[in-house]
Amino acid sequence: MFVAYYWRAKPGQADAYGEYITTVAEPIDENARRAGAFEEVRTVTPAPGVTTDWTHLRIFRLKDAAAAEGLSAALDAATARVVPDEAKRKANSERSATMRDFVRREVWTELR
């Protein structure tokens, strides 16, 4: 089972958003992974010359549908553990909103 989040960096913000993923999101993701929320996460960007409606795709591999349903709550819980200061969490959220727009969320299963 996979959950894919498609994001589009705002004009001129692709590098800043990539840095945000590395410095803010990835430590939260690692905390959530260690807590059993998902098995693996990858962030990919389109290859040069490829046109898409997104700039950053974050793909989470999960063990089952229940984990997929609980992913958002698990990431929220990890955020609170990694960034316990509510004001800092709010500032991070506001900062990310200046760099990206949500495109869509998809849930996939693996062909076996």
N, C-alpha and C. Protein backbone atom coordinates (compact mmCIF):
# COMPACT_ATOMS: atom_id res chain seq x y z
N MET A 1 0.85 -1.17 0.00
CA MET A 1 0.00 0.00 0.00
C MET A 1 0.90 1.23 0.00
N PHE A 2 0.51 2.21 -0.79
CA PHE A 2 1.28 3.45 -0.89
C PHE A 2 0.32 4.63 -0.79
N VAL A 3 0.78 5.71 -0.16
CA VAL A 3 0.06 6.97 -0.16
C VAL A 3 1.00 7.99 -0.80
N ALA A 4 0.50 8.66 -1.82
CA ALA A 4 1.30 9.64 -2.56
C ALA A 4 0.70 11.03 -2.38
N TYR A 5 1.55 11.96 -1.99
CA TYR A 5 1.15 13.36 -1.85
C TYR A 5 1.88 14.16 -2.93
N TYR A 6 1.11 14.81 -3.78
CA TYR A 6 1.65 15.65 -4.84
C TYR A 6 1.60 17.11 -4.38
N TRP A 7 2.75 17.78 -4.48
CA TRP A 7 2.86 19.18 -4.10
C TRP A 7 3.43 19.98 -5.27
N ARG A 8 3.05 21.23 -5.36
CA ARG A 8 3.60 22.13 -6.38
C ARG A 8 4.25 23.31 -5.65
N ALA A 9 5.56 23.45 -5.84
CA ALA A 9 6.25 24.60 -5.26
C ALA A 9 5.74 25.86 -5.96
N LYS A 10 5.56 26.90 -5.19
CA LYS A 10 5.15 28.18 -5.77
C LYS A 10 6.31 28.74 -6.60
N PRO A 11 6.01 29.61 -7.55
CA PRO A 11 7.07 30.16 -8.42
C PRO A 11 8.26 30.68 -7.60
N GLY A 12 9.44 30.23 -8.00
CA GLY A 12 10.66 30.66 -7.34
C GLY A 12 10.94 29.98 -6.00
N GLN A 13 10.10 29.03 -5.59
CA GLN A 13 10.24 28.43 -4.27
C GLN A 13 10.68 26.96 -4.29
N ALA A 14 11.00 26.41 -5.45
CA ALA A 14 11.32 24.98 -5.53
C ALA A 14 12.52 24.62 -4.65
N ASP A 15 13.58 25.40 -4.70
CA ASP A 15 14.75 25.10 -3.88
C ASP A 15 14.44 25.27 -2.39
N ALA A 16 13.73 26.33 -2.05
CA ALA A 16 13.37 26.56 -0.65
C ALA A 16 12.48 25.44 -0.13
N TYR A 17 11.56 24.98 -0.96
CA TYR A 17 10.69 23.89 -0.52
C TYR A 17 11.48 22.59 -0.38
N GLY A 18 12.41 22.33 -1.28
CA GLY A 18 13.27 21.16 -1.16
C GLY A 18 14.07 21.20 0.13
N GLU A 19 14.58 22.36 0.49
CA GLU A 19 15.32 22.53 1.75
C GLU A 19 14.39 22.31 2.94
N TYR A 20 13.16 22.79 2.85
CA TYR A 20 12.17 22.59 3.93
C TYR A 20 11.92 21.09 4.13
N ILE A 21 11.77 20.36 3.04
CA ILE A 21 11.56 18.91 3.15
C ILE A 21 12.72 18.27 3.90
N THR A 22 13.93 18.63 3.51
CA THR A 22 15.13 18.03 4.12
C THR A 22 15.28 18.39 5.59
N THR A 23 15.05 19.65 5.94
CA THR A 23 15.34 20.10 7.30
C THR A 23 14.17 20.00 8.27
N VAL A 24 12.94 20.09 7.77
CA VAL A 24 11.77 20.07 8.64
C VAL A 24 10.99 18.76 8.52
N ALA A 25 10.61 18.40 7.30
CA ALA A 25 9.74 17.23 7.11
C ALA A 25 10.46 15.90 7.37
N GLU A 26 11.69 15.75 6.88
CA GLU A 26 12.36 14.46 7.02
C GLU A 26 12.60 14.03 8.46
N PRO A 27 12.98 14.93 9.39
CA PRO A 27 13.09 14.48 10.78
C PRO A 27 11.74 14.02 11.36
N ILE A 28 10.67 14.67 10.97
CA ILE A 28 9.33 14.25 11.41
C ILE A 28 8.99 12.90 10.81
N ASP A 29 9.27 12.75 9.52
CA ASP A 29 9.01 11.47 8.85
C ASP A 29 9.76 10.34 9.54
N GLU A 30 11.02 10.56 9.86
CA GLU A 30 11.82 9.51 10.49
C GLU A 30 11.25 9.13 11.86
N ASN A 31 10.78 10.10 12.61
CA ASN A 31 10.15 9.82 13.89
C ASN A 31 8.90 8.98 13.69
N ALA A 32 8.09 9.34 12.71
CA ALA A 32 6.86 8.59 12.42
C ALA A 32 7.18 7.17 11.94
N ARG A 33 8.22 7.04 11.12
CA ARG A 33 8.61 5.71 10.63
C ARG A 33 9.05 4.83 11.80
N ARG A 34 9.87 5.38 12.69
CA ARG A 34 10.32 4.61 13.85
C ARG A 34 9.15 4.21 14.75
N ALA A 35 8.10 5.03 14.77
CA ALA A 35 6.91 4.73 15.57
C ALA A 35 5.97 3.75 14.87
N GLY A 36 6.32 3.33 13.64
CA GLY A 36 5.53 2.34 12.93
C GLY A 36 4.45 2.88 12.01
N ALA A 37 4.47 4.18 11.74
CA ALA A 37 3.42 4.79 10.91
C ALA A 37 3.51 4.32 9.46
N PHE A 38 4.72 4.10 8.97
CA PHE A 38 4.93 3.66 7.59
C PHE A 38 6.28 2.97 7.51
N GLU A 39 6.53 2.32 6.39
CA GLU A 39 7.77 1.57 6.23
C GLU A 39 8.88 2.37 5.56
N GLU A 40 8.51 3.23 4.62
CA GLU A 40 9.50 3.97 3.85
C GLU A 40 8.84 5.19 3.22
N VAL A 41 9.62 6.24 3.02
CA VAL A 41 9.13 7.41 2.28
C VAL A 41 10.21 7.83 1.29
N ARG A 42 9.77 8.26 0.13
CA ARG A 42 10.66 8.79 -0.90
C ARG A 42 10.07 10.10 -1.39
N THR A 43 10.96 11.03 -1.69
CA THR A 43 10.55 12.28 -2.31
C THR A 43 11.19 12.32 -3.68
N VAL A 44 10.38 12.53 -4.71
CA VAL A 44 10.88 12.58 -6.08
C VAL A 44 10.41 13.87 -6.74
N THR A 45 11.16 14.27 -7.76
CA THR A 45 10.80 15.42 -8.58
C THR A 45 10.80 14.98 -10.03
N PRO A 46 10.08 15.68 -10.89
CA PRO A 46 10.07 15.29 -12.31
C PRO A 46 11.47 15.40 -12.92
N ALA A 47 11.73 14.52 -13.86
CA ALA A 47 13.00 14.58 -14.60
C ALA A 47 13.04 15.87 -15.42
N PRO A 48 14.24 16.39 -15.68
CA PRO A 48 14.35 17.60 -16.50
C PRO A 48 13.62 17.41 -17.84
N GLY A 49 12.86 18.44 -18.20
CA GLY A 49 12.14 18.41 -19.46
C GLY A 49 10.76 17.79 -19.39
N VAL A 50 10.42 17.18 -18.27
CA VAL A 50 9.11 16.55 -18.10
C VAL A 50 8.17 17.57 -17.46
N THR A 51 7.00 17.76 -18.08
CA THR A 51 6.02 18.71 -17.57
C THR A 51 4.96 17.97 -16.76
N THR A 52 4.73 18.41 -15.53
CA THR A 52 3.72 17.83 -14.65
C THR A 52 2.97 18.95 -13.95
N ASP A 53 1.91 18.59 -13.26
CA ASP A 53 1.18 19.58 -12.47
C ASP A 53 1.71 19.65 -11.04
N TRP A 54 2.83 18.98 -10.77
CA TRP A 54 3.44 18.96 -9.44
C TRP A 54 4.95 19.13 -9.57
N THR A 55 5.59 19.51 -8.46
CA THR A 55 7.05 19.65 -8.45
C THR A 55 7.71 18.67 -7.49
N HIS A 56 6.97 18.23 -6.48
CA HIS A 56 7.50 17.31 -5.47
C HIS A 56 6.44 16.25 -5.17
N LEU A 57 6.84 15.00 -5.26
CA LEU A 57 5.95 13.88 -4.98
C LEU A 57 6.54 13.12 -3.81
N ARG A 58 5.76 12.98 -2.74
CA ARG A 58 6.22 12.25 -1.55
C ARG A 58 5.41 10.97 -1.48
N ILE A 59 6.10 9.84 -1.56
CA ILE A 59 5.46 8.52 -1.62
C ILE A 59 5.79 7.75 -0.34
N PHE A 60 4.75 7.41 0.40
CA PHE A 60 4.89 6.64 1.63
C PHE A 60 4.48 5.20 1.37
N ARG A 61 5.33 4.24 1.74
CA ARG A 61 4.99 2.82 1.64
C ARG A 61 4.52 2.38 3.03
N LEU A 62 3.32 1.78 3.05
CA LEU A 62 2.71 1.37 4.31
C LEU A 62 2.39 -0.12 4.28
N LYS A 63 2.19 -0.69 5.47
CA LYS A 63 1.96 -2.14 5.52
C LYS A 63 0.56 -2.54 5.11
N ASP A 64 -0.43 -1.66 5.30
CA ASP A 64 -1.80 -2.05 4.97
C ASP A 64 -2.71 -0.82 4.89
N ALA A 65 -3.98 -1.08 4.58
CA ALA A 65 -4.96 0.01 4.41
C ALA A 65 -5.19 0.76 5.71
N ALA A 66 -5.16 0.08 6.84
CA ALA A 66 -5.35 0.76 8.13
C ALA A 66 -4.24 1.77 8.37
N ALA A 67 -3.01 1.40 8.03
CA ALA A 67 -1.90 2.33 8.18
C ALA A 67 -2.07 3.52 7.25
N ALA A 68 -2.58 3.28 6.05
CA ALA A 68 -2.82 4.38 5.10
C ALA A 68 -3.86 5.35 5.65
N GLU A 69 -4.92 4.79 6.24
CA GLU A 69 -5.97 5.64 6.82
C GLU A 69 -5.45 6.47 7.99
N GLY A 70 -4.51 5.91 8.73
CA GLY A 70 -4.00 6.60 9.91
C GLY A 70 -2.75 7.44 9.68
N LEU A 71 -2.28 7.52 8.43
CA LEU A 71 -1.02 8.20 8.15
C LEU A 71 -1.04 9.66 8.57
N SER A 72 -2.06 10.38 8.22
CA SER A 72 -2.11 11.81 8.53
C SER A 72 -2.03 12.04 10.04
N ALA A 73 -2.80 11.29 10.80
CA ALA A 73 -2.78 11.43 12.26
C ALA A 73 -1.42 11.04 12.83
N ALA A 74 -0.80 10.00 12.26
CA ALA A 74 0.51 9.56 12.73
C ALA A 74 1.57 10.63 12.44
N LEU A 75 1.48 11.28 11.29
CA LEU A 75 2.43 12.35 10.97
C LEU A 75 2.20 13.55 11.88
N ASP A 76 0.94 13.85 12.20
CA ASP A 76 0.65 14.94 13.14
C ASP A 76 1.24 14.64 14.52
N ALA A 77 1.11 13.39 14.97
CA ALA A 77 1.65 13.00 16.27
C ALA A 77 3.17 13.10 16.26
N ALA A 78 3.80 12.67 15.17
CA ALA A 78 5.26 12.78 15.07
C ALA A 78 5.69 14.24 15.05
N THR A 79 4.93 15.08 14.39
CA THR A 79 5.24 16.52 14.37
C THR A 79 5.26 17.08 15.79
N ALA A 80 4.26 16.70 16.59
CA ALA A 80 4.19 17.18 17.97
C ALA A 80 5.36 16.66 18.81
N ARG A 81 5.82 15.44 18.52
CA ARG A 81 6.97 14.90 19.27
C ARG A 81 8.27 15.59 18.87
N VAL A 82 8.46 15.81 17.57
CA VAL A 82 9.71 16.39 17.07
C VAL A 82 9.77 17.89 17.30
N VAL A 83 8.62 18.55 17.19
CA VAL A 83 8.54 20.01 17.38
C VAL A 83 7.51 20.26 18.49
N PRO A 84 7.91 20.08 19.75
CA PRO A 84 6.93 20.19 20.84
C PRO A 84 6.37 21.60 21.05
N ASP A 85 7.10 22.61 20.60
CA ASP A 85 6.66 24.00 20.76
C ASP A 85 5.56 24.30 19.73
N GLU A 86 4.35 24.55 20.22
CA GLU A 86 3.21 24.79 19.33
C GLU A 86 3.43 26.00 18.43
N ALA A 87 4.05 27.05 18.95
CA ALA A 87 4.30 28.25 18.14
C ALA A 87 5.25 27.92 16.99
N LYS A 88 6.24 27.08 17.25
CA LYS A 88 7.19 26.69 16.19
C LYS A 88 6.49 25.82 15.14
N ARG A 89 5.59 24.91 15.59
CA ARG A 89 4.83 24.10 14.63
C ARG A 89 3.98 25.00 13.75
N LYS A 90 3.33 25.98 14.34
CA LYS A 90 2.50 26.90 13.58
C LYS A 90 3.35 27.70 12.59
N ALA A 91 4.52 28.15 13.03
CA ALA A 91 5.42 28.90 12.15
C ALA A 91 5.88 28.03 10.99
N ASN A 92 6.19 26.76 11.26
CA ASN A 92 6.58 25.84 10.18
C ASN A 92 5.45 25.67 9.18
N SER A 93 4.25 25.51 9.69
CA SER A 93 3.09 25.32 8.81
C SER A 93 2.86 26.57 7.95
N GLU A 94 2.96 27.73 8.56
CA GLU A 94 2.79 28.97 7.81
C GLU A 94 3.90 29.13 6.78
N ARG A 95 5.11 28.76 7.15
CA ARG A 95 6.24 28.85 6.21
C ARG A 95 6.02 27.93 5.01
N SER A 96 5.60 26.70 5.27
CA SER A 96 5.39 25.77 4.16
C SER A 96 4.29 26.28 3.23
N ALA A 97 3.29 26.93 3.77
CA ALA A 97 2.19 27.46 2.95
C ALA A 97 2.67 28.55 2.00
N THR A 98 3.76 29.22 2.33
CA THR A 98 4.28 30.26 1.44
C THR A 98 5.11 29.66 0.30
N MET A 99 5.46 28.36 0.42
CA MET A 99 6.35 27.73 -0.56
C MET A 99 5.67 26.73 -1.47
N ARG A 100 4.50 26.22 -1.08
CA ARG A 100 3.91 25.12 -1.84
C ARG A 100 2.40 25.18 -1.83
N ASP A 101 1.82 24.46 -2.80
CA ASP A 101 0.37 24.25 -2.86
C ASP A 101 0.14 22.74 -2.95
N PHE A 102 -0.89 22.28 -2.27
CA PHE A 102 -1.28 20.88 -2.35
C PHE A 102 -1.94 20.63 -3.70
N VAL A 103 -1.55 19.55 -4.37
CA VAL A 103 -2.14 19.20 -5.66
C VAL A 103 -3.16 18.08 -5.46
N ARG A 104 -2.72 16.95 -4.90
CA ARG A 104 -3.65 15.84 -4.65
C ARG A 104 -2.98 14.76 -3.82
N ARG A 105 -3.81 13.86 -3.31
CA ARG A 105 -3.37 12.68 -2.57
C ARG A 105 -3.93 11.46 -3.29
N GLU A 106 -3.10 10.44 -3.46
CA GLU A 106 -3.56 9.20 -4.08
C GLU A 106 -3.14 8.04 -3.21
N VAL A 107 -3.93 6.98 -3.24
CA VAL A 107 -3.60 5.74 -2.53
C VAL A 107 -3.47 4.65 -3.58
N TRP A 108 -2.36 3.91 -3.51
CA TRP A 108 -2.08 2.88 -4.50
C TRP A 108 -1.87 1.54 -3.82
N THR A 109 -2.11 0.48 -4.56
CA THR A 109 -1.73 -0.87 -4.11
C THR A 109 -0.70 -1.41 -5.08
N GLU A 110 0.07 -2.37 -4.59
CA GLU A 110 1.13 -2.95 -5.42
C GLU A 110 0.65 -4.20 -6.10
N LEU A 111 0.95 -4.33 -7.37
CA LEU A 111 0.62 -5.52 -8.13
C LEU A 111 1.55 -6.65 -7.69
N ARG A 112 0.99 -7.78 -7.36
CA ARG A 112 1.82 -8.91 -6.92
C ARG A 112 1.48 -10.13 -7.69
